[in-house]
Amino acid sequence: MPGTIAKPFLKWAGGKGRLLPQLQPYFPARFNDYFEPFFGGGAVYFSLMPTHGSCINDINDTIMEACLHVKNDLEKLLPKLKTIEATYKRLSEAERQDFYYEQREAFNSAAIGITKTVLLMFLNKTCFNGLYRENSKGKFNVPFGRYANPTICDEANLRAASSALQHTSILTGSYADAVKHAGKGDFVYLDPPYYPLNTTSSFTAYHEAGFAAQDQQNLRDLFVDLDTRGCYVLLSNSTASFVRELYKDYRQEQIYAGRSINASSTKRGKIPELVVLNY
C-alpha cells in the first residue's frame, strides 16, 4: 500500500518499538550515514528510514537473510507466506500446535534460503511471545503460542519494509566489522544483548554465541574508537553498575521499558534501561 510507513516485520524480545518515544529525543538532529550493527527487529532503523548510506548487521544469519529476502525477493516470499498462513488458520488449536512443532523442526534443519525465511516469519508470529531464542546447539527452541488470529503475512508492511531496505547494506557477522567505515558525522546505534542485572535476569540467547562481560568491554572499546572518529554514538544497555562503570566518561540517561517476556506476570513491568551518548 503506497504511503505505508514501515515497521519491524519480526516481533523481537527487547525490541525498541515501544521505547521509540523515549529514545527519539536522543537521536542526533542531523547525521550522514547510519549504522546499526545489532539489528534484531530493527525498530530504530525503520523509525529513522535512512535514505542512503545505511548499514545494518546482526550475528544471526537467519535474521539478516530474512532482511535480504524482504529487500530482494518479496514477490517470491509473499505467496509462500500467504500459503502457510492460510494452511495454519484452517486448523483447530490442537492441530495448530502439532503443525507449529513440525514447522519448528523443519526450520531447524533447513539450510539458509527463502524456505527458512518463510518458516522464520511463521514461527515468529505463532511462537510464545514472539521470542527468538536459540539453545546451545543453535536450534530455535521457543514453544507454541496460543494466538487466535495471528497475522503471518502483513503484505502492506512487508512492501514498505522492502522499499525502506533498498539503499541499505545488509551484513552478517562482527559488529566491529559492520561499523568499520563509519566516520565523522555518521550515526551509530549500538543495541547489544544487555548485561544482566542479576544472575537470573539474563536473556541474551538470541544466538548460541551469547554475549559475555568481555564482549561488553570490547564493545566499550569500540564505542571509544567511534567517538574518536567523530561519529554520533548512542548505546542501549541495562543499568547494571558494571555497564555504568564501563561508560563512566560518557553522558548517561535513563529510560523505562515495559517488559512482558517473563512467564510470570509478577515479574513483568517497568524496568529502567541505560542510554549512553557521546554527544
Protein backbone atom coordinates (compact mmCIF):
# COMPACT_ATOMS: atom_id res chain seq x y z
CA MET A 1 0.00 0.00 0.00
CA PRO A 2 1.62 3.31 -1.07
CA GLY A 3 2.41 5.59 1.83
CA THR A 4 2.61 2.81 4.43
CA ILE A 5 5.31 3.59 6.99
CA ALA A 6 7.50 0.54 7.57
CA LYS A 7 7.78 -1.06 10.97
CA PRO A 8 9.64 -4.20 12.05
CA PHE A 9 8.35 -7.29 10.27
CA LEU A 10 9.59 -9.59 13.07
CA LYS A 11 8.50 -9.47 16.70
CA TRP A 12 11.60 -9.19 18.82
CA ALA A 13 12.16 -9.59 22.56
CA GLY A 14 13.97 -6.46 23.70
CA GLY A 15 12.89 -4.63 20.56
CA LYS A 16 12.74 -0.86 20.77
CA GLY A 17 9.33 -0.27 19.21
CA ARG A 18 7.59 0.76 22.42
CA LEU A 19 10.66 2.70 23.59
CA LEU A 20 10.89 4.91 20.50
CA PRO A 21 9.05 7.89 22.04
CA GLN A 22 11.66 7.91 24.82
CA LEU A 23 14.64 7.20 22.54
CA GLN A 24 13.88 9.59 19.70
CA PRO A 25 14.74 12.77 21.66
CA TYR A 26 18.28 11.40 21.97
CA PHE A 27 18.80 10.84 18.24
CA PRO A 28 21.06 13.43 16.58
CA ALA A 29 19.06 16.06 14.70
CA ARG A 30 21.21 15.59 11.59
CA PHE A 31 23.69 12.93 10.57
CA ASN A 32 25.30 11.47 7.47
CA ASP A 33 25.24 7.67 7.16
CA TYR A 34 23.51 5.35 9.64
CA PHE A 35 24.94 2.13 11.14
CA GLU A 36 23.12 -0.44 13.28
CA PRO A 37 25.39 -3.44 13.99
CA PHE A 38 22.98 -5.23 16.39
CA PHE A 39 19.89 -5.09 14.18
CA GLY A 40 17.45 -7.54 15.79
CA GLY A 41 13.98 -6.44 14.73
CA GLY A 42 15.21 -3.04 13.52
CA ALA A 43 12.71 -0.71 15.20
CA VAL A 44 15.17 2.19 15.33
CA TYR A 45 16.21 1.70 11.72
CA PHE A 46 12.63 1.71 10.43
CA SER A 47 11.78 4.76 12.56
CA LEU A 48 14.68 6.70 11.05
CA MET A 49 14.08 5.49 7.48
CA PRO A 50 17.60 6.39 6.30
CA THR A 51 17.59 7.05 2.57
CA HIS A 52 21.24 6.46 1.74
CA GLY A 53 24.48 5.04 3.05
CA SER A 54 22.98 2.92 5.83
CA CYS A 55 24.39 -0.41 7.02
CA ILE A 56 22.66 -2.97 9.20
CA ASN A 57 24.16 -6.12 10.68
CA ASP A 58 23.44 -8.96 13.05
CA ILE A 59 25.39 -12.05 14.04
CA ASN A 60 22.23 -14.09 13.43
CA ASP A 61 22.45 -15.00 9.75
CA THR A 62 18.84 -16.22 9.65
CA ILE A 63 17.56 -12.78 10.63
CA MET A 64 19.71 -10.95 8.11
CA GLU A 65 18.90 -13.42 5.35
CA ALA A 66 15.24 -12.60 6.01
CA CYS A 67 16.06 -8.92 5.53
CA LEU A 68 17.73 -9.75 2.23
CA HIS A 69 14.69 -11.69 1.06
CA VAL A 70 12.36 -8.86 2.03
CA LYS A 71 14.63 -6.46 0.17
CA ASN A 72 15.29 -8.51 -2.97
CA ASP A 73 12.81 -11.40 -3.25
CA LEU A 74 9.50 -10.07 -1.98
CA GLU A 75 7.42 -11.34 -4.90
CA LYS A 76 8.64 -14.88 -4.18
CA LEU A 77 8.23 -14.50 -0.43
CA LEU A 78 4.66 -13.17 -0.28
CA PRO A 79 2.80 -16.11 -1.89
CA LYS A 80 4.67 -18.59 0.31
CA LEU A 81 3.73 -16.64 3.44
CA LYS A 82 0.10 -16.43 2.32
CA THR A 83 0.02 -20.17 1.74
CA ILE A 84 1.38 -21.11 5.17
CA GLU A 85 -0.93 -18.57 6.83
CA ALA A 86 -4.00 -20.00 5.10
CA THR A 87 -2.97 -23.53 5.98
CA TYR A 88 -2.45 -22.64 9.64
CA LYS A 89 -5.73 -20.77 10.05
CA ARG A 90 -7.75 -23.71 8.74
CA LEU A 91 -6.53 -25.88 11.63
CA SER A 92 -8.01 -26.45 15.06
CA GLU A 93 -5.92 -25.33 18.05
CA ALA A 94 -4.67 -28.86 18.68
CA GLU A 95 -3.77 -29.23 15.02
CA ARG A 96 -2.09 -25.82 15.05
CA GLN A 97 0.15 -26.90 17.89
CA ASP A 98 1.23 -30.05 16.05
CA PHE A 99 1.75 -28.03 12.87
CA TYR A 100 3.84 -25.46 14.76
CA TYR A 101 6.26 -28.07 16.10
CA GLU A 102 6.53 -29.68 12.68
CA GLN A 103 7.49 -26.33 11.18
CA ARG A 104 9.93 -25.63 14.02
CA GLU A 105 11.68 -28.93 13.31
CA ALA A 106 11.75 -28.10 9.60
CA PHE A 107 13.17 -24.64 10.37
CA ASN A 108 15.97 -26.06 12.49
CA SER A 109 17.02 -28.47 9.75
CA ALA A 110 16.58 -26.09 6.80
CA ALA A 111 19.51 -24.50 5.02
CA ILE A 112 19.63 -20.72 4.68
CA GLY A 113 17.24 -19.75 1.91
CA ILE A 114 13.76 -18.45 1.22
CA THR A 115 12.07 -21.51 2.77
CA LYS A 116 13.89 -20.87 6.05
CA THR A 117 12.80 -17.21 5.91
CA VAL A 118 9.16 -18.25 5.45
CA LEU A 119 9.42 -20.62 8.40
CA LEU A 120 11.13 -17.94 10.50
CA MET A 121 8.30 -15.48 9.87
CA PHE A 122 5.68 -18.13 10.56
CA LEU A 123 7.31 -19.21 13.83
CA ASN A 124 7.91 -15.61 14.90
CA LYS A 125 4.18 -14.81 14.69
CA THR A 126 2.94 -18.07 16.22
CA CYS A 127 5.51 -18.83 18.95
CA PHE A 128 5.26 -17.85 22.61
CA ASN A 129 5.50 -14.05 22.98
CA GLY A 130 7.34 -13.62 19.69
CA LEU A 131 10.68 -14.62 21.19
CA TYR A 132 13.72 -15.52 19.16
CA ARG A 133 15.87 -17.83 21.25
CA GLU A 134 18.45 -20.47 20.41
CA ASN A 135 19.81 -23.28 22.56
CA SER A 136 23.49 -24.09 22.90
CA LYS A 137 23.35 -26.04 19.63
CA GLY A 138 21.99 -23.05 17.73
CA LYS A 139 18.48 -24.51 17.45
CA PHE A 140 15.36 -22.35 17.77
CA ASN A 141 13.55 -23.70 20.83
CA VAL A 142 10.63 -21.37 21.64
CA PRO A 143 7.36 -23.17 22.42
CA PHE A 144 3.99 -22.76 20.73
CA GLY A 145 1.97 -19.60 21.36
CA ARG A 146 -1.82 -19.69 21.52
CA TYR A 147 -2.89 -16.81 19.26
CA ALA A 148 -6.39 -16.90 17.79
CA ASN A 149 -5.73 -14.94 14.60
CA PRO A 150 -2.05 -14.12 14.06
CA THR A 151 -1.07 -12.03 11.04
CA ILE A 152 1.66 -14.06 9.40
CA CYS A 153 1.73 -12.19 6.08
CA ASP A 154 1.37 -8.42 6.55
CA GLU A 155 1.78 -7.58 2.88
CA ALA A 156 1.48 -3.80 3.23
CA ASN A 157 4.20 -3.64 5.86
CA LEU A 158 6.47 -6.08 4.04
CA ARG A 159 6.25 -3.93 0.92
CA ALA A 160 7.05 -0.83 2.96
CA ALA A 161 9.98 -2.60 4.63
CA SER A 162 11.27 -3.78 1.26
CA SER A 163 11.22 -0.22 -0.01
CA ALA A 164 12.98 1.04 3.12
CA LEU A 165 15.78 -1.52 2.72
CA GLN A 166 16.59 -0.77 -0.91
CA HIS A 167 19.54 1.55 -0.21
CA THR A 168 20.87 -0.35 2.79
CA SER A 169 23.84 -2.70 3.07
CA ILE A 170 22.81 -5.88 4.91
CA LEU A 171 25.62 -7.78 6.63
CA THR A 172 26.01 -10.81 8.89
CA GLY A 173 28.90 -11.07 11.29
CA SER A 174 31.07 -8.97 13.55
CA TYR A 175 29.57 -5.77 14.93
CA ALA A 176 33.02 -4.20 14.70
CA ASP A 177 33.32 -5.03 11.00
CA ALA A 178 29.85 -3.58 10.41
CA VAL A 179 30.99 -0.11 11.51
CA LYS A 180 34.50 -0.11 10.08
CA HIS A 181 33.52 2.52 7.50
CA ALA A 182 31.71 4.78 9.99
CA GLY A 183 33.22 8.24 10.15
CA LYS A 184 32.70 11.84 11.15
CA GLY A 185 29.06 12.86 11.25
CA ASP A 186 27.70 9.32 10.93
CA PHE A 187 25.20 7.96 13.48
CA VAL A 188 25.87 4.57 15.10
CA TYR A 189 23.24 2.94 17.29
CA LEU A 190 24.50 0.08 19.47
CA ASP A 191 21.90 -2.24 20.98
CA PRO A 192 23.82 -5.30 22.22
CA PRO A 193 22.43 -8.13 24.34
CA TYR A 194 22.07 -6.47 27.73
CA TYR A 195 24.37 -7.16 30.65
CA PRO A 196 22.24 -8.94 33.30
CA LEU A 197 21.10 -7.01 36.35
CA ASN A 198 21.49 -10.22 38.34
CA THR A 199 22.32 -13.87 37.76
CA THR A 200 18.72 -14.84 36.93
CA SER A 201 17.65 -11.93 34.72
CA SER A 202 19.80 -12.55 31.67
CA PHE A 203 18.03 -13.05 28.36
CA THR A 204 20.82 -12.98 25.79
CA ALA A 205 20.23 -16.22 23.93
CA TYR A 206 19.36 -14.63 20.58
CA HIS A 207 22.35 -16.56 19.27
CA GLU A 208 24.27 -19.58 20.50
CA ALA A 209 27.43 -17.46 20.93
CA GLY A 210 25.94 -15.32 23.72
CA PHE A 211 27.46 -12.02 24.86
CA ALA A 212 29.66 -12.10 27.96
CA ALA A 213 31.35 -9.47 30.14
CA GLN A 214 34.45 -9.42 27.94
CA ASP A 215 32.23 -8.77 24.91
CA GLN A 216 30.74 -5.79 26.76
CA GLN A 217 34.24 -4.46 27.43
CA ASN A 218 35.23 -4.93 23.80
CA LEU A 219 32.12 -3.05 22.76
CA ARG A 220 33.03 -0.19 25.09
CA ASP A 221 36.42 0.00 23.37
CA LEU A 222 34.65 0.22 20.02
CA PHE A 223 32.40 2.97 21.41
CA VAL A 224 35.53 4.94 22.34
CA ASP A 225 37.01 4.33 18.89
CA LEU A 226 33.84 5.54 17.16
CA ASP A 227 33.87 8.60 19.39
CA THR A 228 37.42 9.45 18.31
CA ARG A 229 36.32 9.07 14.66
CA GLY A 230 33.74 11.80 15.16
CA CYS A 231 30.64 9.59 14.99
CA TYR A 232 27.46 10.22 16.91
CA VAL A 233 27.22 7.09 19.09
CA LEU A 234 24.18 6.02 21.10
CA LEU A 235 24.12 2.80 23.11
CA SER A 236 21.32 0.99 24.94
CA ASN A 237 22.04 -1.41 27.79
CA SER A 238 20.95 -2.39 31.27
CA THR A 239 21.51 -0.13 34.26
CA ALA A 240 23.90 -2.63 35.85
CA SER A 241 26.72 -0.96 37.78
CA PHE A 242 29.19 -2.83 35.55
CA VAL A 243 27.81 -1.06 32.49
CA ARG A 244 27.65 2.33 34.20
CA GLU A 245 31.30 1.98 35.16
CA LEU A 246 32.32 0.98 31.62
CA TYR A 247 30.83 4.20 30.25
CA LYS A 248 31.60 6.48 33.20
CA ASP A 249 33.27 9.03 30.89
CA TYR A 250 30.16 9.49 28.76
CA ARG A 251 26.72 11.02 29.14
CA GLN A 252 24.24 8.58 30.68
CA GLU A 253 20.45 8.86 30.67
CA GLN A 254 17.74 6.53 31.93
CA ILE A 255 14.51 5.46 30.25
CA TYR A 256 11.87 2.93 31.29
CA ALA A 257 10.90 -0.18 29.35
CA GLY A 258 7.85 -2.35 29.81
CA ARG A 259 8.87 -6.00 29.70
CA SER A 260 6.43 -8.84 29.11
CA ILE A 261 8.63 -11.81 28.18
CA ASN A 262 8.63 -13.35 31.65
CA ALA A 263 6.15 -16.20 32.05
CA SER A 264 5.22 -14.86 35.49
CA SER A 265 3.09 -11.71 35.37
CA THR A 266 4.50 -10.66 38.76
CA LYS A 267 7.94 -10.32 37.16
CA ARG A 268 6.83 -8.01 34.38
CA GLY A 269 6.57 -4.23 34.45
CA LYS A 270 8.65 -1.09 34.00
CA ILE A 271 12.38 -1.69 34.06
CA PRO A 272 14.97 1.11 33.82
CA GLU A 273 17.35 0.99 30.86
CA LEU A 274 20.53 2.93 30.29
CA VAL A 275 21.16 5.19 27.30
CA VAL A 276 24.78 6.21 26.75
CA LEU A 277 25.71 9.03 24.36
CA ASN A 278 28.91 10.75 23.27
CA TYR A 279 27.10 13.95 22.28
